[in-house]
Protein backbone atom coordinates (compact mmCIF):
# COMPACT_ATOMS: atom_id res chain seq x y z
CA UNK A 1 -37.24 -34.11 131.39
CA UNK A 2 -38.17 -31.00 132.33
CA UNK A 3 -39.03 -32.25 135.72
CA UNK A 4 -35.39 -33.20 135.87
CA UNK A 5 -34.25 -29.62 134.68
CA UNK A 6 -36.22 -27.74 137.33
CA UNK A 7 -35.14 -30.46 140.12
CA UNK A 8 -31.84 -29.24 139.15
CA UNK A 9 -31.73 -25.47 138.87
CA UNK A 10 -33.56 -25.51 142.32
CA UNK A 11 -31.44 -27.70 143.86
CA UNK A 12 -28.36 -25.57 142.93
CA UNK A 13 -29.84 -22.45 143.99
CA UNK A 14 -30.62 -24.15 147.47
CA UNK A 15 -27.32 -25.31 147.58
CA UNK A 16 -25.33 -21.84 146.46
CA UNK A 17 -27.19 -20.58 149.81
CA UNK A 18 -24.69 -22.09 151.99
CA UNK A 19 -21.54 -22.28 149.93
CA UNK A 20 -18.90 -20.35 151.92
CA UNK A 21 -16.36 -20.60 148.79
CA UNK A 22 -12.44 -21.65 149.03
CA UNK A 23 -9.54 -20.80 147.22
CA UNK A 24 -7.68 -21.69 143.84
CA UNK A 25 -5.43 -19.11 142.18
CA UNK A 26 -6.70 -15.60 143.89
CA UNK A 27 -10.19 -15.86 144.12
CA UNK A 28 -11.22 -18.68 141.14
CA UNK A 29 -12.45 -21.88 142.28
CA UNK A 30 -11.44 -25.10 140.23
CA UNK A 31 -13.13 -27.06 142.68
CA UNK A 32 -16.03 -27.92 140.32
CA UNK A 33 -16.31 -31.18 140.11
CA UNK A 34 -15.69 -34.09 143.09
CA UNK A 35 -14.49 -36.71 140.83
CA UNK A 36 -12.26 -34.33 138.84
CA UNK A 37 -10.77 -33.57 142.32
CA UNK A 38 -9.35 -36.89 142.28
CA UNK A 39 -7.29 -36.49 139.48
CA UNK A 40 -6.37 -32.45 140.05
CA UNK A 41 -8.63 -31.98 137.72
CA UNK A 42 -6.23 -32.98 134.69
CA UNK A 43 -7.81 -33.80 131.46
CA UNK A 44 -10.77 -31.90 132.53
CA UNK A 45 -10.92 -30.46 128.63
CA UNK A 46 -10.93 -34.32 127.45
CA UNK A 47 -11.99 -36.78 130.08
CA UNK A 48 -16.00 -36.45 129.88
CA UNK A 49 -16.39 -38.93 132.25
CA UNK A 50 -19.83 -37.26 133.68
CA UNK A 51 -22.15 -34.27 133.06
CA UNK A 52 -19.49 -32.28 134.52
CA UNK A 53 -18.21 -31.73 131.12
CA UNK A 54 -20.77 -29.26 130.87
CA UNK A 55 -18.47 -27.08 132.78
CA UNK A 56 -15.06 -28.39 131.62
CA UNK A 57 -16.10 -29.09 128.09
CA UNK A 58 -19.73 -29.00 126.77
CA UNK A 59 -18.56 -31.00 123.37
CA UNK A 60 -17.60 -33.85 126.03
CA UNK A 61 -21.54 -33.99 126.35
CA UNK A 62 -20.87 -36.18 122.97
CA UNK A 63 -19.46 -38.85 124.82
CA UNK A 64 -22.54 -39.19 127.07
CA UNK A 65 -24.91 -42.09 126.49
CA UNK A 66 -28.92 -41.60 127.52
CA UNK A 67 -29.23 -39.05 130.54
CA UNK A 68 -27.27 -38.28 133.54
CA UNK A 69 -27.54 -36.40 136.50
CA UNK A 70 -24.32 -35.43 139.35
CA UNK A 71 -25.14 -34.04 142.40
CA UNK A 72 -21.94 -33.38 144.48
CA UNK A 73 -20.37 -30.80 147.42
CA UNK A 74 -16.41 -29.51 148.02
CA UNK A 75 -15.69 -28.96 152.46
CA UNK A 76 -12.99 -27.03 152.35
CA UNK A 77 -10.85 -26.10 155.06
CA UNK A 78 -8.96 -22.86 154.99
CA UNK A 79 -6.11 -22.07 157.16
CA UNK A 80 -4.54 -18.64 156.82
CA UNK A 81 -2.61 -16.70 160.09
CA UNK A 82 -0.61 -13.29 159.86
CA UNK A 83 2.83 -12.91 161.44
CA UNK A 84 3.22 -9.23 161.75
CA UNK A 85 6.75 -7.51 161.04
CA UNK A 86 5.60 -3.87 161.71
CA UNK A 87 2.08 -2.13 161.32
CA UNK A 88 2.46 1.76 161.58
CA UNK A 89 0.81 4.90 160.60
CA UNK A 90 1.34 7.54 157.74
CA UNK A 91 4.80 9.32 159.07
CA UNK A 92 2.25 12.04 157.68
CA UNK A 93 0.24 11.34 160.84
CA UNK A 94 3.25 10.56 163.27
CA UNK A 95 4.53 6.69 162.14
CA UNK A 96 3.44 5.23 165.38
CA UNK A 97 2.54 1.81 165.68
CA UNK A 98 -1.01 0.54 165.40
CA UNK A 99 -1.99 -1.02 168.03
CA UNK A 100 -3.27 -4.96 167.73
CA UNK A 101 -2.74 -9.30 167.55
CA UNK A 102 -2.42 -10.60 164.44
CA UNK A 103 -5.95 -11.42 163.60
CA UNK A 104 -6.07 -15.07 164.39
CA UNK A 105 -7.07 -17.96 161.48
CA UNK A 106 -8.57 -15.71 158.76
CA UNK A 107 -9.47 -18.83 156.85
CA UNK A 108 -12.99 -20.47 157.35
CA UNK A 109 -14.28 -23.99 156.09
CA UNK A 110 -17.59 -23.85 154.39
CA UNK A 111 -19.37 -25.65 151.14
CA UNK A 112 -19.01 -25.35 147.70
CA UNK A 113 -21.94 -27.46 146.19
CA UNK A 114 -21.98 -28.44 141.82
CA UNK A 115 -25.10 -30.04 139.95
CA UNK A 116 -24.62 -31.22 136.61
CA UNK A 117 -27.42 -32.77 133.95
CA UNK A 118 -26.97 -33.66 130.08
CA UNK A 119 -29.37 -35.55 128.28
CA UNK A 120 -28.53 -37.31 124.65
CA UNK A 121 -31.34 -35.79 122.58
CA UNK A 122 -30.47 -38.25 119.42
CA UNK A 123 -27.04 -39.59 118.44
CA UNK A 124 -25.38 -36.39 117.27
CA UNK A 125 -27.55 -33.73 119.49
CA UNK A 126 -26.61 -33.37 123.34
CA UNK A 127 -28.27 -31.13 126.34
CA UNK A 128 -26.32 -30.19 129.21
CA UNK A 129 -27.34 -27.82 132.44
CA UNK A 130 -24.69 -26.94 135.11
CA UNK A 131 -24.80 -24.86 138.25
CA UNK A 132 -21.86 -24.37 140.50
CA UNK A 133 -19.90 -21.43 142.26
CA UNK A 134 -16.57 -20.55 139.97
CA UNK A 135 -15.32 -17.55 142.13
CA UNK A 136 -15.34 -16.69 145.74
CA UNK A 137 -13.70 -15.67 148.85
CA UNK A 138 -14.27 -15.40 152.42
CA UNK A 139 -11.53 -13.91 154.98
CA UNK A 140 -12.34 -12.50 158.54
CA UNK A 141 -9.86 -11.58 160.71
CA UNK A 142 -9.98 -11.40 164.86
CA UNK A 143 -11.81 -7.93 166.04
CA UNK A 144 -9.24 -5.15 166.18
CA UNK A 145 -6.13 -6.92 164.31
CA UNK A 146 -3.05 -4.99 163.27
CA UNK A 147 -4.67 -4.79 159.40
CA UNK A 148 -7.67 -3.93 160.67
CA UNK A 149 -7.69 -1.02 158.23
CA UNK A 150 -6.97 -3.11 155.23
CA UNK A 151 -9.34 -5.40 155.61
CA UNK A 152 -11.57 -7.06 158.18
CA UNK A 153 -14.32 -9.41 156.57
CA UNK A 154 -14.12 -10.08 153.29
CA UNK A 155 -16.59 -12.02 151.56
CA UNK A 156 -17.47 -12.74 147.74
CA UNK A 157 -19.69 -15.20 146.23
CA UNK A 158 -21.13 -16.24 142.92
CA UNK A 159 -23.73 -18.62 141.11
CA UNK A 160 -23.34 -19.89 137.70
CA UNK A 161 -25.92 -20.76 135.64
CA UNK A 162 -24.35 -22.83 132.45
CA UNK A 163 -27.00 -24.34 130.10
CA UNK A 164 -24.77 -25.83 126.94
CA UNK A 165 -25.62 -27.67 123.64
CA UNK A 166 -23.26 -30.53 121.89
CA UNK A 167 -22.88 -31.75 117.99
CA UNK A 168 -21.03 -34.88 116.97
CA UNK A 169 -19.62 -34.07 113.72
CA UNK A 170 -18.68 -37.21 113.38
CA UNK A 171 -16.58 -40.62 115.63
CA UNK A 172 -13.75 -38.23 115.89
CA UNK A 173 -14.72 -34.59 116.22
CA UNK A 174 -17.25 -33.13 118.59
CA UNK A 175 -18.08 -29.40 119.41
CA UNK A 176 -20.30 -27.38 121.98
CA UNK A 177 -20.90 -24.19 123.04
CA UNK A 178 -23.11 -23.13 126.37
CA UNK A 179 -24.20 -19.55 128.07
CA UNK A 180 -23.50 -18.45 131.64
CA UNK A 181 -25.60 -16.51 133.94
CA UNK A 182 -23.86 -15.16 136.00
CA UNK A 183 -24.96 -13.75 139.81
CA UNK A 184 -22.11 -12.02 142.27
CA UNK A 185 -23.00 -10.75 145.61
CA UNK A 186 -19.94 -9.15 147.35
CA UNK A 187 -19.44 -7.90 151.34
CA UNK A 188 -16.35 -6.27 152.46
CA UNK A 189 -15.77 -4.50 155.75
CA UNK A 190 -12.91 -2.61 157.35
CA UNK A 191 -11.86 -0.67 160.50
CA UNK A 192 -11.93 3.56 159.63
CA UNK A 193 -9.15 5.39 161.71
CA UNK A 194 -11.13 8.09 162.27
CA UNK A 195 -8.40 10.29 164.73
CA UNK A 196 -6.41 9.90 161.50
CA UNK A 197 -9.44 11.44 159.40
CA UNK A 198 -9.42 13.90 162.41
CA UNK A 199 -6.04 15.01 162.14
CA UNK A 200 -6.00 15.70 158.27
CA UNK A 201 -8.92 18.33 158.90
CA UNK A 202 -7.24 21.19 160.21
CA UNK A 203 -8.84 22.87 163.43
CA UNK A 204 -11.47 19.97 164.62
CA UNK A 205 -12.06 19.44 168.49
CA UNK A 206 -12.83 16.46 170.65
CA UNK A 207 -11.03 13.15 168.34
CA UNK A 208 -8.42 11.55 169.68
CA UNK A 209 -4.87 10.52 168.01
CA UNK A 210 -4.29 8.44 165.49
CA UNK A 211 -4.84 5.07 165.37
CA UNK A 212 -7.35 5.59 168.68
CA UNK A 213 -10.22 6.45 167.16
CA UNK A 214 -11.91 3.48 165.15
CA UNK A 215 -14.85 2.89 163.47
CA UNK A 216 -16.21 0.56 160.62
CA UNK A 217 -17.03 0.74 156.86
CA UNK A 218 -19.42 -2.14 155.36
CA UNK A 219 -19.47 -2.09 151.23
CA UNK A 220 -22.13 -4.66 150.01
CA UNK A 221 -23.21 -4.96 146.59
CA UNK A 222 -24.05 -7.47 143.53
CA UNK A 223 -24.64 -7.77 140.03
CA UNK A 224 -26.11 -10.23 137.36
CA UNK A 225 -23.92 -10.69 134.14
CA UNK A 226 -23.96 -12.88 131.16
CA UNK A 227 -21.18 -15.12 129.35
CA UNK A 228 -20.26 -18.11 127.15
CA UNK A 229 -18.15 -21.14 126.53
CA UNK A 230 -17.15 -23.46 123.64
CA UNK A 231 -15.08 -26.28 123.26
CA UNK A 232 -13.79 -29.43 120.78
CA UNK A 233 -13.01 -32.55 121.40
CA UNK A 234 -10.84 -34.82 119.44
CA UNK A 235 -11.05 -38.52 119.41
CA UNK A 236 -7.22 -39.65 117.66
CA UNK A 237 -7.68 -43.28 117.55
CA UNK A 238 -9.70 -45.64 119.81
CA UNK A 239 -7.60 -44.87 123.09
CA UNK A 240 -6.47 -41.23 123.12
CA UNK A 241 -8.38 -37.53 122.82
CA UNK A 242 -7.34 -34.23 122.96
CA UNK A 243 -9.95 -30.99 124.53
CA UNK A 244 -9.78 -27.63 124.13
CA UNK A 245 -12.05 -25.36 126.23
CA UNK A 246 -12.97 -21.30 126.23
CA UNK A 247 -14.62 -19.88 128.52
CA UNK A 248 -15.48 -15.72 128.05
CA UNK A 249 -14.43 -12.97 130.11
CA UNK A 250 -17.75 -11.97 132.22
CA UNK A 251 -17.95 -7.72 133.27
CA UNK A 252 -20.00 -7.48 136.09
CA UNK A 253 -21.07 -3.63 136.94
CA UNK A 254 -21.65 -4.36 141.01
CA UNK A 255 -24.18 -1.46 142.67
CA UNK A 256 -24.82 -1.45 146.22
CA UNK A 257 -23.82 0.62 149.32
CA UNK A 258 -21.47 1.77 151.65
CA UNK A 259 -22.58 1.71 155.35
CA UNK A 260 -19.80 4.27 157.54
CA UNK A 261 -20.65 3.58 161.86
CA UNK A 262 -18.71 6.20 163.66
CA UNK A 263 -17.41 6.05 167.44
CA UNK A 264 -19.17 9.37 168.03
CA UNK A 265 -21.02 12.60 166.83
CA UNK A 266 -17.66 14.75 166.19
CA UNK A 267 -16.17 12.13 163.91
CA UNK A 268 -19.05 11.42 162.17
CA UNK A 269 -19.33 15.26 161.42
CA UNK A 270 -15.55 15.76 160.59
CA UNK A 271 -16.13 12.65 157.79
CA UNK A 272 -18.97 13.82 156.60
CA UNK A 273 -17.54 17.52 155.61
CA UNK A 274 -14.68 16.04 153.94
CA UNK A 275 -17.30 13.56 152.01
CA UNK A 276 -16.85 10.80 153.88
CA UNK A 277 -20.50 9.26 154.62
CA UNK A 278 -22.85 6.95 154.00
CA UNK A 279 -23.12 6.17 149.85
CA UNK A 280 -24.35 4.26 147.40
CA UNK A 281 -21.70 2.78 146.01
CA UNK A 282 -20.81 0.85 142.12
CA UNK A 283 -17.32 -1.14 141.16
CA UNK A 284 -16.51 -2.85 138.20
CA UNK A 285 -15.38 -6.11 138.32
CA UNK A 286 -14.20 -8.26 135.05
CA UNK A 287 -13.75 -11.90 136.26
CA UNK A 288 -11.53 -13.44 133.49
CA UNK A 289 -11.63 -15.81 130.40
CA UNK A 290 -9.87 -18.83 130.51
CA UNK A 291 -8.46 -21.52 127.41
CA UNK A 292 -7.85 -25.10 128.40
CA UNK A 293 -6.26 -27.74 126.47
CA UNK A 294 -6.56 -31.32 127.44
CA UNK A 295 -5.34 -34.48 126.37
CA UNK A 296 -6.85 -38.25 127.79
CA UNK A 297 -5.35 -41.34 127.10
CA UNK A 298 -5.78 -44.67 127.83
CA UNK A 299 -3.37 -47.18 128.27
CA UNK A 300 -4.34 -50.34 128.69
CA UNK A 301 -7.87 -52.12 130.39
CA UNK A 302 -6.87 -50.75 133.95
CA UNK A 303 -4.52 -47.51 133.63
CA UNK A 304 -5.57 -44.16 132.36
CA UNK A 305 -3.87 -40.91 132.30
CA UNK A 306 -4.97 -37.81 131.77
CA UNK A 307 -2.67 -33.99 131.85
CA UNK A 308 -4.12 -29.85 131.47
CA UNK A 309 -2.94 -26.67 130.78
CA UNK A 310 -5.43 -23.93 132.23
CA UNK A 311 -4.76 -20.42 131.15
CA UNK A 312 -6.91 -17.25 133.10
CA UNK A 313 -6.19 -14.26 132.10
CA UNK A 314 -6.52 -12.01 135.77
CA UNK A 315 -4.86 -8.86 134.13
CA UNK A 316 -8.94 -8.09 133.11
CA UNK A 317 -8.68 -7.30 136.69
CA UNK A 318 -6.07 -4.97 137.44
CA UNK A 319 -8.19 -3.24 140.38
CA UNK A 320 -10.66 -3.06 142.73
CA UNK A 321 -11.98 0.61 142.60
CA UNK A 322 -15.42 1.48 144.57
CA UNK A 323 -17.14 4.73 143.02
CA UNK A 324 -18.63 6.73 146.03
CA UNK A 325 -22.22 8.13 144.37
CA UNK A 326 -23.68 10.65 146.66
CA UNK A 327 -20.74 12.18 148.11
CA UNK A 328 -17.46 13.42 147.26
CA UNK A 329 -15.43 11.24 148.76
CA UNK A 330 -12.42 9.65 146.50
CA UNK A 331 -12.62 6.27 144.72
CA UNK A 332 -11.46 3.94 147.36
CA UNK A 333 -8.92 1.79 145.75
CA UNK A 334 -7.20 -1.45 145.88
CA UNK A 335 -4.30 -1.98 143.07
CA UNK A 336 -3.44 -5.63 142.35
CA UNK A 337 -1.74 -5.30 138.56
CA UNK A 338 -2.79 -8.73 138.23
CA UNK A 339 -0.46 -11.14 135.91
CA UNK A 340 -2.20 -13.75 133.47
CA UNK A 341 -1.03 -17.15 134.96
CA UNK A 342 -1.36 -20.93 133.99
CA UNK A 343 -2.29 -24.04 135.64
CA UNK A 344 -0.69 -27.01 134.84
CA UNK A 345 -1.95 -30.68 136.51
CA UNK A 346 -1.82 -34.16 135.28
CA UNK A 347 -3.21 -37.52 136.85
CA UNK A 348 -3.84 -40.64 136.46
CA UNK A 349 -6.91 -43.66 137.03
CA UNK A 350 -6.58 -47.33 137.93
CA UNK A 351 -9.14 -49.17 137.23
CA UNK A 352 -8.71 -53.27 138.30
CA UNK A 353 -12.17 -54.11 137.28
CA UNK A 354 -15.06 -55.20 139.09
CA UNK A 355 -16.55 -51.95 141.24
CA UNK A 356 -13.74 -50.34 142.09
CA UNK A 357 -11.50 -47.26 140.89
CA UNK A 358 -9.06 -45.13 142.27
CA UNK A 359 -7.60 -41.71 141.00
CA UNK A 360 -3.99 -39.59 141.97
CA UNK A 361 -2.97 -36.55 140.96
CA UNK A 362 -0.57 -33.70 141.02
CA UNK A 363 -1.06 -29.73 140.15
CA UNK A 364 0.70 -26.85 140.10
CA UNK A 365 -1.30 -23.32 140.39
CA UNK A 366 0.70 -20.02 139.42
CA UNK A 367 -0.65 -16.57 141.21
CA UNK A 368 -1.54 -13.74 139.47
CA UNK A 369 -0.30 -11.60 142.46
CA UNK A 370 2.95 -10.10 141.33
CA UNK A 371 4.59 -9.36 144.86
CA UNK A 372 4.45 -8.05 148.22
CA UNK A 373 3.47 -4.84 147.19
CA UNK A 374 0.20 -6.01 145.45
CA UNK A 375 -0.36 -8.45 147.98
CA UNK A 376 -4.19 -7.78 149.68
CA UNK A 377 -4.66 -8.71 153.04
CA UNK A 378 -8.58 -9.44 151.98
CA UNK A 379 -6.85 -12.27 149.79
CA UNK A 380 -3.37 -13.52 150.86
CA UNK A 381 -2.59 -14.97 147.93
CA UNK A 382 0.27 -17.12 146.43
CA UNK A 383 1.53 -19.81 143.82
CA UNK A 384 0.07 -23.27 145.39
CA UNK A 385 0.87 -26.90 144.89
CA UNK A 386 -1.76 -29.68 145.01
CA UNK A 387 -1.65 -33.48 145.84
CA UNK A 388 -4.82 -35.37 145.42
CA UNK A 389 -6.61 -39.11 145.65
CA UNK A 390 -9.46 -40.31 144.95
CA UNK A 391 -12.21 -43.42 145.20
CA UNK A 392 -14.98 -44.11 143.06
CA UNK A 393 -17.42 -47.20 143.74
CA UNK A 394 -19.95 -48.11 141.06
CA UNK A 395 -23.00 -49.23 143.06
CA UNK A 396 -25.24 -50.52 140.03
CA UNK A 397 -25.57 -50.03 136.39
CA UNK A 398 -27.21 -46.57 137.22
CA UNK A 399 -25.65 -45.50 140.29
CA UNK A 400 -21.75 -44.40 141.46
CA UNK A 401 -20.06 -42.38 144.13
CA UNK A 402 -16.97 -40.35 143.95
CA UNK A 403 -14.85 -39.25 146.94
CA UNK A 404 -12.06 -36.93 146.51
CA UNK A 405 -9.30 -35.53 149.01
CA UNK A 406 -6.84 -32.45 147.95
CA UNK A 407 -4.05 -31.02 150.12
CA UNK A 408 -2.99 -27.47 148.72
CA UNK A 409 0.81 -26.19 149.60
CA UNK A 410 0.44 -22.33 149.60
CA UNK A 411 3.81 -20.41 149.45
CA UNK A 412 4.75 -18.62 152.83
CA UNK A 413 3.42 -15.06 151.20
CA UNK A 414 5.21 -11.88 152.44
CA UNK A 415 2.51 -8.45 152.23
CA UNK A 416 4.43 -5.12 152.74
CA UNK A 417 1.66 -2.38 152.07
CA UNK A 418 2.83 1.23 151.68
CA UNK A 419 1.04 4.66 153.53
CA UNK A 420 3.38 6.61 151.64
CA UNK A 421 3.04 10.30 152.47
CA UNK A 422 0.47 11.64 150.06
CA UNK A 423 -3.25 11.42 150.43
CA UNK A 424 -3.40 10.24 146.41
CA UNK A 425 -1.66 7.12 148.17
CA UNK A 426 -4.66 4.71 148.60
CA UNK A 427 -2.82 3.12 151.91
CA UNK A 428 -2.79 6.87 152.89
CA UNK A 429 -5.66 5.91 155.48
CA UNK A 430 -4.70 2.79 156.01
CA UNK A 431 -1.16 2.21 157.69
CA UNK A 432 1.64 0.60 156.73
CA UNK A 433 1.45 -3.37 156.72
CA UNK A 434 4.01 -5.58 156.26
CA UNK A 435 4.37 -9.15 157.49
CA UNK A 436 3.55 -12.64 156.37
CA UNK A 437 1.01 -15.41 155.75
CA UNK A 438 1.74 -19.08 156.37
CA UNK A 439 -1.42 -20.87 155.02
CA UNK A 440 -2.62 -24.42 153.63
CA UNK A 441 -5.90 -25.72 152.14
CA UNK A 442 -7.34 -29.25 152.66
CA UNK A 443 -10.42 -30.64 150.46
CA UNK A 444 -13.19 -33.30 150.93
CA UNK A 445 -15.54 -33.89 148.13
CA UNK A 446 -18.43 -36.44 147.30
CA UNK A 447 -20.60 -36.82 144.54
CA UNK A 448 -23.51 -39.10 143.36
CA UNK A 449 -23.71 -40.27 139.83
CA UNK A 450 -27.42 -41.37 138.39
CA UNK A 451 -27.68 -42.12 134.85
CA UNK A 452 -30.76 -43.15 133.03
CA UNK A 453 -32.35 -44.16 128.99
């Protein structure tokens, strides 16, 4: 068993290096089980069909005899295309139009891996380990786009290692708990309007006009923090079970550096004179807690149905505030004003007998972003509607394969960032940005399951 655990951890770390995360609501990743994707993750806390229950509800490990390993991955194809209505400088600097195109397709295609392992110790006690990527974000615009002062490339990656245990109290009730060790890494870049910076400093000579003298800024930071998850599973008769699962929030203190690239020496000196220069940075980010209630019911020998409601407390993350530790520069702030939201899903599985079974599901994933004023170009988030299909093939008593597909419609999203006329406005140097996004997501997932004694 120790060899299997070491192999699982090594494989998870190796796969995480290739992860280019996609999206559920905001930058949470729902894609933590390829088999579960086929049912739109309905019944996640109650189904307990494979080792991914370590993540969805550790109490479900009590339903898995012997040992099991699941290795899977999701290829997420995310598209987000911006259409400009207007992009202008603050009226304080003349309100002129900002040059540039619409940024192309800011979405990217990438891999999100999952690896899970469970082992029954005896009839009551089970142990498990999961490695996955529960949060993530990648957007990347074409060079010189009109919103470049708000965002260029944004990349957030997480790696979560989740050892867990479950205990079966009796034939009806099981409990589970786990520890989460979570690593987060973030890289954020954007253009810097040195023309506007120069215009804000009286008497500076040798700078171009606002909007005509760009440099670049890059912030890179990371952190490791800890959380926990709890679960309970009730077997209500032979064919019905209900699961309740809770994942704690995780408070991260990211530390790293900010690097500025100025277009010329005059611009660099002017910016440095008002405290805008390379610096160590820190940022506090709370990744929110979730609570899920799920139900699973076996209708007959062929059909089963399931449902889930998951609530995520995104209000824990009202803003992204970057504190520059080595300079007098004001904090860089992006206000999100996020709201707590629910995700609703229902699904069904058809197993006619033999080696094949078939899955389907639908889901509504609410966005925590309240309106166009607080929508970020780094993450053009909106409500999402899911439809999913899946197929499973049991090739032997110990081996099975699962394949799933999901299409996600993202509501067309307006963005309306205002620069205002005061230097206290977080967008004062970024400018006004008004437009909308057309976005959609396609996901292809596959996993292999090995069962052993």
